[in-house]
């Protein structure tokens, strides 16, 4: 984790939230399809 005072926090925050949302979406789809192979 890099703590760069030059880079604004809001710039890194949205990216992490998008990645988390994508992972959550994929997990939900996997559960719906009944497949827990992909983590």
N, C-alpha and C. Protein backbone atom coordinates (compact mmCIF):
# COMPACT_ATOMS: atom_id res chain seq x y z
N UNK A 1 0.84 -1.19 0.00
CA UNK A 1 0.00 0.00 0.00
C UNK A 1 0.87 1.24 0.00
N UNK A 2 0.69 2.08 -1.00
CA UNK A 2 1.50 3.29 -1.08
C UNK A 2 0.73 4.48 -0.55
N UNK A 3 1.36 5.22 0.36
CA UNK A 3 0.71 6.42 0.90
C UNK A 3 1.38 7.65 0.31
N UNK A 4 0.97 8.02 -0.89
CA UNK A 4 1.57 9.18 -1.56
C UNK A 4 0.73 10.42 -1.30
N UNK A 5 1.28 11.37 -0.54
CA UNK A 5 0.55 12.61 -0.25
C UNK A 5 0.27 13.42 -1.51
N UNK A 6 1.06 13.15 -2.57
CA UNK A 6 0.87 13.89 -3.82
C UNK A 6 -0.39 13.41 -4.53
N UNK A 7 -0.64 12.10 -4.45
CA UNK A 7 -1.83 11.55 -5.10
C UNK A 7 -3.03 11.69 -4.18
N UNK A 8 -4.12 12.24 -4.69
CA UNK A 8 -5.34 12.39 -3.88
C UNK A 8 -5.96 11.03 -3.58
N UNK A 9 -6.51 10.91 -2.39
CA UNK A 9 -7.12 9.64 -1.98
C UNK A 9 -8.33 9.29 -2.85
N UNK A 10 -9.18 10.28 -3.17
CA UNK A 10 -10.38 10.01 -3.97
C UNK A 10 -10.06 9.34 -5.31
N UNK A 11 -8.82 9.48 -5.77
CA UNK A 11 -8.48 8.89 -7.07
C UNK A 11 -8.31 7.38 -6.95
N UNK A 12 -7.74 6.94 -5.83
CA UNK A 12 -7.51 5.51 -5.65
C UNK A 12 -8.75 4.83 -5.07
N UNK A 13 -9.55 5.60 -4.35
CA UNK A 13 -10.73 5.02 -3.71
C UNK A 13 -11.71 4.43 -4.73
N UNK A 14 -12.14 5.21 -5.74
CA UNK A 14 -13.11 4.69 -6.72
C UNK A 14 -12.60 3.43 -7.40
N UNK A 15 -11.31 3.37 -7.69
CA UNK A 15 -10.78 2.21 -8.40
C UNK A 15 -10.94 0.95 -7.55
N UNK A 16 -10.62 1.07 -6.26
CA UNK A 16 -10.72 -0.08 -5.37
C UNK A 16 -12.18 -0.50 -5.20
N UNK A 17 -13.06 0.48 -5.16
CA UNK A 17 -14.49 0.16 -4.99
C UNK A 17 -15.00 -0.55 -6.23
N UNK A 18 -14.53 -0.14 -7.40
CA UNK A 18 -14.96 -0.77 -8.65
C UNK A 18 -14.47 -2.22 -8.67
N UNK A 19 -13.21 -2.42 -8.26
CA UNK A 19 -12.68 -3.78 -8.25
C UNK A 19 -13.46 -4.65 -7.28
N UNK A 20 -13.77 -4.10 -6.12
CA UNK A 20 -14.53 -4.86 -5.12
C UNK A 20 -15.92 -5.19 -5.65
N UNK A 21 -16.54 -4.21 -6.29
CA UNK A 21 -17.88 -4.42 -6.82
C UNK A 21 -17.85 -5.49 -7.91
N UNK A 22 -16.82 -5.45 -8.75
CA UNK A 22 -16.70 -6.44 -9.82
C UNK A 22 -16.53 -7.83 -9.23
N UNK A 23 -15.65 -7.94 -8.22
CA UNK A 23 -15.41 -9.24 -7.59
C UNK A 23 -16.68 -9.74 -6.93
N UNK A 24 -17.41 -8.81 -6.29
CA UNK A 24 -18.65 -9.19 -5.64
C UNK A 24 -19.67 -9.67 -6.67
N UNK A 25 -19.72 -8.98 -7.80
CA UNK A 25 -20.66 -9.34 -8.85
C UNK A 25 -20.35 -10.73 -9.39
N UNK A 26 -19.05 -10.97 -9.64
CA UNK A 26 -18.63 -12.28 -10.16
C UNK A 26 -18.97 -13.38 -9.16
N UNK A 27 -18.74 -13.08 -7.89
CA UNK A 27 -19.04 -14.08 -6.86
C UNK A 27 -20.53 -14.39 -6.83
N UNK A 28 -21.35 -13.33 -6.95
CA UNK A 28 -22.80 -13.53 -6.93
C UNK A 28 -23.23 -14.37 -8.13
N UNK A 29 -22.68 -14.08 -9.29
CA UNK A 29 -23.02 -14.83 -10.49
C UNK A 29 -22.62 -16.29 -10.33
N UNK A 30 -21.43 -16.51 -9.76
CA UNK A 30 -20.96 -17.88 -9.57
C UNK A 30 -21.90 -18.63 -8.64
N UNK A 31 -22.36 -17.96 -7.59
CA UNK A 31 -23.27 -18.60 -6.65
C UNK A 31 -24.60 -18.91 -7.33
N UNK A 32 -25.06 -17.98 -8.16
CA UNK A 32 -26.33 -18.19 -8.86
C UNK A 32 -26.21 -19.37 -9.83
N UNK A 33 -25.05 -19.48 -10.47
CA UNK A 33 -24.85 -20.56 -11.42
C UNK A 33 -24.54 -21.87 -10.70
N UNK A 34 -24.29 -21.78 -9.39
CA UNK A 34 -24.03 -22.99 -8.62
C UNK A 34 -22.61 -23.47 -8.82
N UNK A 35 -21.69 -22.55 -9.09
CA UNK A 35 -20.30 -22.95 -9.29
C UNK A 35 -19.40 -22.16 -8.38
N UNK A 36 -18.65 -22.85 -7.53
CA UNK A 36 -17.74 -22.14 -6.62
C UNK A 36 -16.30 -22.46 -7.00
N UNK A 37 -16.05 -22.61 -8.30
CA UNK A 37 -14.69 -22.91 -8.75
C UNK A 37 -13.87 -21.63 -8.79
N UNK A 38 -14.47 -20.57 -9.36
CA UNK A 38 -13.76 -19.29 -9.43
C UNK A 38 -13.88 -18.57 -8.10
N UNK A 39 -12.73 -18.09 -7.62
CA UNK A 39 -12.75 -17.38 -6.34
C UNK A 39 -12.50 -15.90 -6.60
